[in-house]
Amino acid sequence: MTPPPEEPEQGQTPEAPEPERLPETRLGKRRAEEEEEELPRMTLLEHLDELRRRILRTLIVVVVAFFGCFAFAEQIYNLLAKPIEPHVDQLVFDGVADPFIVQVKVALLAAVFVTSPYLVAQLWGFVAPGLYRREKRYAIPFIFFGSLFFIGGGAFGYFVALPFATEFLVNMGLNANWDADIRIERYFSFAVNVLLGLAVMFQLPIVIFMLSQLGVVTPRFLMRHFRWAVLIIIVVSAVITPTPDAINMTIVAGPTVLLYLVGVGASALVQRRRKRIEDEGD
């Protein structure tokens, strides 16, 4: 026989039975962790000081890489000059300091691409304090794919965009019976503009993914403003490769639009995962 429950002694309040605990869901557990986790609060001056320190570190690393790349400036120069070599006999300079300025630009450009993983890591380190613990686990994928797309954008600019743009622009003058007397400094300024511009534009999927992870944008929002995105991409492409023909503009804008759609797909995966977690919570 089951013994009867003990009656509380006189003057004692009967203890309430413990409520039955429901199993924690992934959504509930995540929300509880976010409520318990307190993000570090930083003032505007602290943000500026953090930004200053990271910029200083970045400059130091780039300068160190610059001196290493400067030793190979002539070899890097020969590589960057290949897209225009078939169209002109030789590049010229009309300033005493032009050769030195070109070698400095060449070495600095190479240093930026060599140190791109560190640059992306510093960018992540600046925004990471404002993220929850579960969001900080994307550090390695962000650095890896950010560096990959940055270098990939530069490679696309060197092997595809720069040769096409150079051929079109030079042949436009040659077909008009003009002599090509191209200065070294101006050509390399144009090359740097194309390579760095495309390297930055190729970060578009990474930016969209992070904004989706933070809940700033959704796939529906991105597709609803797709026409505006295409217009902005075309304008930026026209700035990077200032050619009046649609072919060169398409060479730059086309892959960037595809990267935008890749970012939409990544945003859809984020939203699908979030919805699955919410369904499990329900």
Protein backbone atom coordinates (compact mmCIF):
# COMPACT_ATOMS: atom_id res chain seq x y z
CA MET A 1 0.00 0.00 0.00
CA THR A 2 1.14 3.51 -0.80
CA PRO A 3 1.68 5.50 2.41
CA PRO A 4 -0.49 8.62 2.64
CA PRO A 5 1.27 11.92 2.04
CA GLU A 6 2.65 13.48 5.18
CA GLU A 7 0.58 16.36 6.43
CA PRO A 8 2.50 19.59 7.05
CA GLU A 9 3.04 20.42 10.69
CA GLN A 10 0.98 23.17 12.16
CA GLY A 11 2.33 26.59 11.19
CA GLN A 12 4.17 25.32 8.12
CA THR A 13 3.13 26.25 4.60
CA PRO A 14 2.70 23.25 2.35
CA GLU A 15 5.33 23.09 -0.36
CA ALA A 16 3.99 23.59 -3.86
CA PRO A 17 4.77 20.75 -6.23
CA GLU A 18 7.53 21.46 -8.75
CA PRO A 19 6.13 22.26 -12.20
CA GLU A 20 6.83 19.70 -14.83
CA ARG A 21 9.70 20.87 -17.04
CA LEU A 22 9.12 20.73 -20.73
CA PRO A 23 12.01 19.67 -22.95
CA GLU A 24 13.99 22.62 -24.29
CA THR A 25 13.79 23.24 -28.00
CA ARG A 26 16.66 24.60 -30.08
CA LEU A 27 14.82 27.90 -30.54
CA GLY A 28 14.04 28.25 -26.84
CA LYS A 29 17.55 27.35 -25.86
CA ARG A 30 18.98 29.87 -28.34
CA ARG A 31 16.68 32.64 -27.15
CA ALA A 32 17.52 31.87 -23.52
CA GLU A 33 21.23 32.03 -24.28
CA GLU A 34 20.81 35.36 -26.11
CA GLU A 35 18.83 36.79 -23.20
CA GLU A 36 21.46 35.66 -20.70
CA GLU A 37 24.37 36.75 -22.89
CA GLU A 38 25.04 40.45 -22.54
CA LEU A 39 26.83 42.04 -25.47
CA PRO A 40 29.71 44.34 -24.54
CA ARG A 41 28.70 47.97 -24.55
CA MET A 42 31.15 50.34 -26.19
CA THR A 43 30.98 54.10 -26.39
CA LEU A 44 31.59 55.99 -29.61
CA LEU A 45 35.12 56.86 -28.49
CA GLU A 46 35.82 53.20 -27.72
CA HIS A 47 34.58 52.22 -31.21
CA LEU A 48 36.80 54.85 -32.78
CA ASP A 49 39.76 53.70 -30.70
CA GLU A 50 39.15 50.08 -31.74
CA LEU A 51 38.92 51.16 -35.37
CA ARG A 52 42.13 53.17 -35.05
CA ARG A 53 44.03 50.22 -33.56
CA ARG A 54 42.86 47.82 -36.26
CA ILE A 55 43.70 50.27 -39.04
CA LEU A 56 47.15 50.73 -37.51
CA ARG A 57 47.73 46.97 -37.40
CA THR A 58 46.54 46.64 -40.98
CA LEU A 59 48.88 49.39 -42.15
CA ILE A 60 51.84 47.77 -40.39
CA VAL A 61 51.16 44.38 -42.01
CA VAL A 62 50.62 45.94 -45.45
CA VAL A 63 53.82 47.98 -45.16
CA VAL A 64 55.83 44.89 -44.20
CA ALA A 65 54.35 42.99 -47.16
CA PHE A 66 54.98 46.04 -49.37
CA PHE A 67 58.73 45.90 -48.78
CA GLY A 68 58.71 42.20 -49.59
CA CYS A 69 56.77 42.77 -52.80
CA PHE A 70 58.90 45.77 -53.75
CA ALA A 71 61.85 43.42 -54.20
CA PHE A 72 59.85 41.72 -56.98
CA ALA A 73 58.31 44.90 -58.40
CA GLU A 74 59.88 44.39 -61.83
CA GLN A 75 58.48 40.86 -62.19
CA ILE A 76 55.04 42.01 -61.02
CA TYR A 77 55.24 44.92 -63.44
CA ASN A 78 55.90 42.54 -66.35
CA LEU A 79 52.83 40.50 -65.41
CA LEU A 80 50.55 43.54 -65.18
CA ALA A 81 51.86 44.91 -68.48
CA LYS A 82 50.94 41.77 -70.46
CA PRO A 83 47.33 42.83 -71.23
CA ILE A 84 48.51 45.94 -73.10
CA GLU A 85 51.72 44.61 -74.69
CA PRO A 86 50.00 43.22 -77.83
CA HIS A 87 48.50 46.64 -78.62
CA VAL A 88 51.43 49.05 -78.15
CA ASP A 89 55.12 48.85 -78.92
CA GLN A 90 56.14 50.08 -75.48
CA LEU A 91 54.88 52.17 -72.61
CA VAL A 92 56.51 55.57 -72.05
CA PHE A 93 56.97 57.98 -69.17
CA ASP A 94 57.35 61.74 -69.20
CA GLY A 95 58.20 62.35 -65.57
CA VAL A 96 61.44 61.67 -63.76
CA ALA A 97 59.66 60.02 -60.81
CA ASP A 98 57.17 58.01 -62.89
CA PRO A 99 59.15 54.71 -62.90
CA PHE A 100 59.52 54.85 -59.13
CA ILE A 101 55.84 55.73 -58.62
CA VAL A 102 54.81 52.80 -60.83
CA GLN A 103 56.97 50.35 -58.87
CA VAL A 104 55.49 51.64 -55.62
CA LYS A 105 51.94 51.16 -56.95
CA VAL A 106 52.76 47.69 -58.25
CA ALA A 107 54.27 46.59 -54.92
CA LEU A 108 51.40 48.13 -52.93
CA LEU A 109 48.81 46.39 -55.09
CA ALA A 110 50.55 43.04 -54.64
CA ALA A 111 50.84 43.64 -50.89
CA VAL A 112 47.08 44.22 -50.59
CA PHE A 113 46.29 40.91 -52.31
CA VAL A 114 48.95 39.02 -50.36
CA THR A 115 47.62 40.28 -47.02
CA SER A 116 43.93 40.03 -47.97
CA PRO A 117 43.21 37.21 -45.45
CA TYR A 118 44.58 39.37 -42.65
CA LEU A 119 42.59 42.38 -43.88
CA VAL A 120 39.37 40.35 -43.89
CA ALA A 121 40.21 39.00 -40.42
CA GLN A 122 40.64 42.56 -39.10
CA LEU A 123 37.27 43.51 -40.59
CA TRP A 124 35.67 40.55 -38.82
CA GLY A 125 37.41 41.43 -35.59
CA PHE A 126 35.92 44.93 -35.71
CA VAL A 127 32.31 43.76 -36.14
CA ALA A 128 32.56 40.61 -33.96
CA PRO A 129 31.99 42.37 -30.59
CA GLY A 130 28.47 43.27 -31.76
CA LEU A 131 27.56 39.64 -32.51
CA TYR A 132 26.15 36.90 -30.32
CA ARG A 133 28.20 33.82 -29.54
CA ARG A 134 26.32 31.70 -32.07
CA GLU A 135 27.04 34.29 -34.78
CA LYS A 136 30.75 34.43 -34.02
CA ARG A 137 31.19 30.84 -35.20
CA TYR A 138 31.09 32.15 -38.77
CA ALA A 139 34.52 33.73 -38.32
CA ILE A 140 36.50 31.06 -40.20
CA PRO A 141 34.02 30.77 -43.14
CA PHE A 142 33.86 34.58 -43.36
CA ILE A 143 37.64 34.94 -43.49
CA PHE A 144 38.09 32.01 -45.89
CA PHE A 145 35.41 32.93 -48.40
CA GLY A 146 36.07 36.66 -48.05
CA SER A 147 39.72 36.12 -48.98
CA LEU A 148 38.77 33.67 -51.73
CA PHE A 149 36.31 36.06 -53.37
CA PHE A 150 38.71 38.99 -53.01
CA ILE A 151 41.54 37.15 -54.76
CA GLY A 152 39.06 35.66 -57.25
CA GLY A 153 37.82 39.14 -58.16
CA GLY A 154 41.38 40.30 -58.78
CA ALA A 155 42.08 37.22 -60.90
CA PHE A 156 38.91 37.80 -62.93
CA GLY A 157 39.95 41.39 -63.48
CA TYR A 158 43.45 40.41 -64.62
CA PHE A 159 42.53 37.52 -66.94
CA VAL A 160 39.20 38.77 -68.32
CA ALA A 161 38.15 42.36 -67.63
CA LEU A 162 41.49 44.15 -68.00
CA PRO A 163 42.49 42.54 -71.35
CA PHE A 164 39.06 43.20 -72.90
CA ALA A 165 38.89 46.79 -71.66
CA THR A 166 42.47 47.52 -72.74
CA GLU A 167 41.96 46.06 -76.22
CA PHE A 168 38.75 48.00 -76.78
CA LEU A 169 40.11 51.34 -75.59
CA VAL A 170 43.43 51.12 -77.46
CA ASN A 171 41.87 49.88 -80.70
CA MET A 172 39.37 52.72 -80.58
CA GLY A 173 42.25 55.17 -80.95
CA LEU A 174 44.22 53.06 -83.44
CA ASN A 175 41.16 52.68 -85.68
CA ALA A 176 40.91 56.48 -85.75
CA ASN A 177 44.50 56.60 -87.09
CA TRP A 178 45.87 57.97 -83.83
CA ASP A 179 49.27 56.97 -82.49
CA ALA A 180 49.34 55.18 -79.17
CA ASP A 181 51.69 56.95 -76.75
CA ILE A 182 50.53 55.53 -73.43
CA ARG A 183 52.21 56.57 -70.21
CA ILE A 184 53.19 53.86 -67.75
CA GLU A 185 51.76 55.67 -64.74
CA ARG A 186 48.33 56.20 -66.29
CA TYR A 187 48.05 52.61 -67.50
CA PHE A 188 48.87 51.18 -64.09
CA SER A 189 46.45 53.55 -62.39
CA PHE A 190 43.78 52.15 -64.71
CA ALA A 191 44.89 48.56 -63.96
CA VAL A 192 44.80 49.13 -60.20
CA ASN A 193 41.32 50.63 -60.51
CA VAL A 194 40.02 47.56 -62.37
CA LEU A 195 41.68 44.91 -60.20
CA LEU A 196 40.85 46.41 -56.81
CA GLY A 197 37.37 47.43 -57.91
CA LEU A 198 36.47 43.90 -58.98
CA ALA A 199 38.08 42.42 -55.87
CA VAL A 200 35.78 44.56 -53.71
CA MET A 201 32.70 43.87 -55.86
CA PHE A 202 33.25 40.14 -55.53
CA GLN A 203 32.62 40.49 -51.78
CA LEU A 204 28.90 40.93 -52.52
CA PRO A 205 27.78 37.36 -51.60
CA ILE A 206 29.66 37.54 -48.29
CA VAL A 207 28.07 40.87 -47.40
CA ILE A 208 24.57 39.62 -48.29
CA PHE A 209 25.07 36.44 -46.25
CA MET A 210 26.16 38.35 -43.15
CA LEU A 211 23.29 40.85 -43.47
CA SER A 212 20.86 37.92 -43.79
CA GLN A 213 22.37 36.23 -40.75
CA LEU A 214 21.83 39.43 -38.77
CA GLY A 215 18.25 39.70 -40.05
CA VAL A 216 18.81 42.94 -41.94
CA VAL A 217 17.76 41.59 -45.36
CA THR A 218 15.65 38.67 -46.61
CA PRO A 219 15.48 36.88 -49.98
CA ARG A 220 12.13 38.51 -50.70
CA PHE A 221 13.58 41.96 -50.01
CA LEU A 222 16.61 41.27 -52.22
CA MET A 223 14.51 40.04 -55.16
CA ARG A 224 12.00 42.86 -54.78
CA HIS A 225 14.84 45.35 -55.22
CA PHE A 226 16.63 43.31 -57.87
CA ARG A 227 16.22 45.98 -60.55
CA TRP A 228 17.76 48.62 -58.33
CA ALA A 229 20.62 46.26 -57.53
CA VAL A 230 21.28 45.70 -61.24
CA LEU A 231 21.24 49.46 -61.88
CA ILE A 232 23.77 50.07 -59.09
CA ILE A 233 25.97 47.24 -60.36
CA ILE A 234 25.94 48.71 -63.87
CA VAL A 235 26.88 52.16 -62.59
CA VAL A 236 29.76 50.77 -60.51
CA SER A 237 30.89 48.64 -63.48
CA ALA A 238 30.94 51.73 -65.68
CA VAL A 239 33.16 53.47 -63.12
CA ILE A 240 35.57 50.54 -62.89
CA THR A 241 35.87 50.08 -66.66
CA PRO A 242 35.05 53.46 -68.21
CA THR A 243 34.22 52.15 -71.68
CA PRO A 244 31.16 53.21 -73.67
CA ASP A 245 30.47 49.76 -75.15
CA ALA A 246 28.04 47.28 -73.66
CA ILE A 247 30.42 44.32 -74.08
CA ASN A 248 33.03 45.47 -71.56
CA MET A 249 30.36 46.66 -69.16
CA THR A 250 28.66 43.27 -69.39
CA ILE A 251 31.97 41.50 -68.72
CA VAL A 252 32.11 43.23 -65.34
CA ALA A 253 28.40 43.60 -64.53
CA GLY A 254 27.37 40.08 -65.61
CA PRO A 255 29.42 38.14 -63.03
CA THR A 256 28.52 40.67 -60.35
CA VAL A 257 24.80 40.13 -60.99
CA LEU A 258 25.39 36.37 -60.75
CA LEU A 259 27.19 36.93 -57.45
CA TYR A 260 24.20 38.94 -56.26
CA LEU A 261 21.95 35.96 -57.06
CA VAL A 262 24.40 33.69 -55.22
CA GLY A 263 23.99 35.99 -52.24
CA VAL A 264 20.20 35.69 -52.57
CA GLY A 265 20.58 31.91 -52.49
CA ALA A 266 22.73 32.13 -49.38
CA SER A 267 20.12 34.40 -47.79
CA ALA A 268 17.43 31.84 -48.63
CA LEU A 269 19.44 29.13 -46.86
CA VAL A 270 19.75 31.33 -43.78
CA GLN A 271 16.02 32.04 -43.76
CA ARG A 272 15.19 28.36 -44.30
CA ARG A 273 17.37 27.34 -41.36
CA ARG A 274 15.82 30.02 -39.15
CA LYS A 275 12.31 28.89 -40.12
CA ARG A 276 13.17 25.26 -39.35
CA ILE A 277 14.38 26.23 -35.88
CA GLU A 278 11.22 28.25 -35.28
CA ASP A 279 9.05 25.31 -36.39
CA GLU A 280 10.87 23.08 -33.94
CA GLY A 281 10.22 25.66 -31.27
CA ASP A 282 6.50 25.71 -32.07
